[in-house]
Amino acid sequence: MPVYTFNTGGVKGGLHQVEFEVTDEEEAYIVTAKMFALGAYGLLKEKAARSRELVKNYKPVFENSAKYAEFMDQFDSKEVLE
């Protein structure tokens, strides 16, 4: 399925990292919530016309989940140190 994603501000450091810190609560929480709400509104207005169009025109990169798993496996590596 198509995914809508974006980044917001009000934080510093890497996400899910020990150095992650919220630096502006208004931007990190309120502005982010407004952006998500506007994104949902844009996809759902007019009886979800835009969402229906996106789903109708979606062309998957992988033909099934096995092909996706096979692709992802190429990034899994192990290194043995002696």
C-alpha atoms as a PDB file:
ATOM      1  CA  MET A   1       0.000   0.000   0.000  1.00  0.00           C
ATOM      2  CA  PRO A   2       1.183   3.539  -0.581  1.00  0.00           C
ATOM      3  CA  VAL A   3       2.497   5.314   2.496  1.00  0.00           C
ATOM      4  CA  TYR A   4       2.522   9.017   3.271  1.00  0.00           C
ATOM      5  CA  THR A   5       5.453  10.052   5.437  1.00  0.00           C
ATOM      6  CA  PHE A   6       7.156  13.246   6.519  1.00  0.00           C
ATOM      7  CA  ASN A   7       9.545  14.558   9.145  1.00  0.00           C
ATOM      8  CA  THR A   8       8.771  17.259  11.668  1.00  0.00           C
ATOM      9  CA  GLY A   9      10.935  19.506  13.814  1.00  0.00           C
ATOM     10  CA  GLY A  10      11.227  20.359  17.462  1.00  0.00           C
ATOM     11  CA  VAL A  11      13.727  17.624  18.237  1.00  0.00           C
ATOM     12  CA  LYS A  12      17.434  16.955  17.995  1.00  0.00           C
ATOM     13  CA  GLY A  13      19.411  13.747  17.857  1.00  0.00           C
ATOM     14  CA  GLY A  14      18.560  10.541  16.034  1.00  0.00           C
ATOM     15  CA  LEU A  15      15.134   8.997  16.424  1.00  0.00           C
ATOM     16  CA  HIS A  16      15.151   6.029  18.822  1.00  0.00           C
ATOM     17  CA  GLN A  17      18.654   6.996  19.924  1.00  0.00           C
ATOM     18  CA  VAL A  18      19.950   7.738  23.402  1.00  0.00           C
ATOM     19  CA  GLU A  19      20.797  11.358  22.414  1.00  0.00           C
ATOM     20  CA  PHE A  20      17.237  12.087  21.159  1.00  0.00           C
ATOM     21  CA  GLU A  21      15.763  15.183  22.821  1.00  0.00           C
ATOM     22  CA  VAL A  22      12.625  17.273  22.371  1.00  0.00           C
ATOM     23  CA  THR A  23      13.742  20.899  22.011  1.00  0.00           C
ATOM     24  CA  ASP A  24      10.415  22.562  21.134  1.00  0.00           C
ATOM     25  CA  GLU A  25       7.291  20.888  22.513  1.00  0.00           C
ATOM     26  CA  GLU A  26       4.888  23.029  20.440  1.00  0.00           C
ATOM     27  CA  GLU A  27       6.583  22.051  17.197  1.00  0.00           C
ATOM     28  CA  ALA A  28       7.248  18.437  18.180  1.00  0.00           C
ATOM     29  CA  TYR A  29       3.727  17.671  19.423  1.00  0.00           C
ATOM     30  CA  ILE A  30       1.141  20.270  18.338  1.00  0.00           C
ATOM     31  CA  VAL A  31       2.450  21.161  14.879  1.00  0.00           C
ATOM     32  CA  THR A  32       3.125  17.484  14.154  1.00  0.00           C
ATOM     33  CA  ALA A  33      -0.441  16.527  15.153  1.00  0.00           C
ATOM     34  CA  LYS A  34      -1.817  19.284  12.917  1.00  0.00           C
ATOM     35  CA  MET A  35       0.254  18.022   9.980  1.00  0.00           C
ATOM     36  CA  PHE A  36      -1.032  14.469  10.454  1.00  0.00           C
ATOM     37  CA  ALA A  37      -4.611  15.744  10.705  1.00  0.00           C
ATOM     38  CA  LEU A  38      -4.244  17.813   7.524  1.00  0.00           C
ATOM     39  CA  GLY A  39      -2.697  14.837   5.738  1.00  0.00           C
ATOM     40  CA  ALA A  40      -5.621  12.637   6.764  1.00  0.00           C
ATOM     41  CA  TYR A  41      -8.103  15.340   5.730  1.00  0.00           C
ATOM     42  CA  GLY A  42      -6.458  15.634   2.308  1.00  0.00           C
ATOM     43  CA  LEU A  43      -6.717  11.875   1.767  1.00  0.00           C
ATOM     44  CA  LEU A  44     -10.277  11.545   3.078  1.00  0.00           C
ATOM     45  CA  LYS A  45     -12.090  14.650   1.772  1.00  0.00           C
ATOM     46  CA  GLU A  46     -14.508  14.302  -1.146  1.00  0.00           C
ATOM     47  CA  LYS A  47     -15.359  10.731  -0.106  1.00  0.00           C
ATOM     48  CA  ALA A  48     -11.649   9.767  -0.087  1.00  0.00           C
ATOM     49  CA  ALA A  49     -11.250  10.515  -3.810  1.00  0.00           C
ATOM     50  CA  ARG A  50      -7.481  11.061  -3.537  1.00  0.00           C
ATOM     51  CA  SER A  51      -6.989   7.881  -1.491  1.00  0.00           C
ATOM     52  CA  ARG A  52      -9.029   5.855  -3.959  1.00  0.00           C
ATOM     53  CA  GLU A  53      -6.972   7.271  -6.849  1.00  0.00           C
ATOM     54  CA  LEU A  54      -3.680   6.405  -5.110  1.00  0.00           C
ATOM     55  CA  VAL A  55      -4.773   2.840  -4.372  1.00  0.00           C
ATOM     56  CA  LYS A  56      -6.139   2.367  -7.898  1.00  0.00           C
ATOM     57  CA  ASN A  57      -2.885   3.526  -9.519  1.00  0.00           C
ATOM     58  CA  TYR A  58      -0.544   1.792  -7.074  1.00  0.00           C
ATOM     59  CA  LYS A  59       2.036  -0.490  -8.673  1.00  0.00           C
ATOM     60  CA  PRO A  60       3.823  -2.667  -6.091  1.00  0.00           C
ATOM     61  CA  VAL A  61       7.592  -2.916  -6.279  1.00  0.00           C
ATOM     62  CA  PHE A  62       7.496  -6.568  -5.164  1.00  0.00           C
ATOM     63  CA  GLU A  63       4.970  -9.083  -6.455  1.00  0.00           C
ATOM     64  CA  ASN A  64       4.531 -10.723  -3.031  1.00  0.00           C
ATOM     65  CA  SER A  65       5.854 -10.784   0.526  1.00  0.00           C
ATOM     66  CA  ALA A  66       8.340 -13.572  -0.257  1.00  0.00           C
ATOM     67  CA  LYS A  67      10.012 -11.384  -2.911  1.00  0.00           C
ATOM     68  CA  TYR A  68      10.195  -8.534  -0.415  1.00  0.00           C
ATOM     69  CA  ALA A  69      11.726 -10.801   2.246  1.00  0.00           C
ATOM     70  CA  GLU A  70      14.252 -12.073  -0.297  1.00  0.00           C
ATOM     71  CA  PHE A  71      15.215  -8.490  -1.130  1.00  0.00           C
ATOM     72  CA  MET A  72      15.581  -7.531   2.539  1.00  0.00           C
ATOM     73  CA  ASP A  73      17.687 -10.623   3.281  1.00  0.00           C
ATOM     74  CA  GLN A  74      20.489  -9.235   1.125  1.00  0.00           C
ATOM     75  CA  PHE A  75      21.039  -6.555   3.773  1.00  0.00           C
ATOM     76  CA  ASP A  76      21.363  -9.067   6.606  1.00  0.00           C
ATOM     77  CA  SER A  77      24.976  -9.917   7.199  1.00  0.00           C
ATOM     78  CA  LYS A  78      27.032 -11.391   9.974  1.00  0.00           C
ATOM     79  CA  GLU A  79      30.666 -10.783  10.670  1.00  0.00           C
ATOM     80  CA  VAL A  80      32.756 -13.097  12.819  1.00  0.00           C
ATOM     81  CA  LEU A  81      35.663 -11.454  14.576  1.00  0.00           C
ATOM     82  CA  GLU A  82      38.496 -13.561  15.855  1.00  0.00           C
END
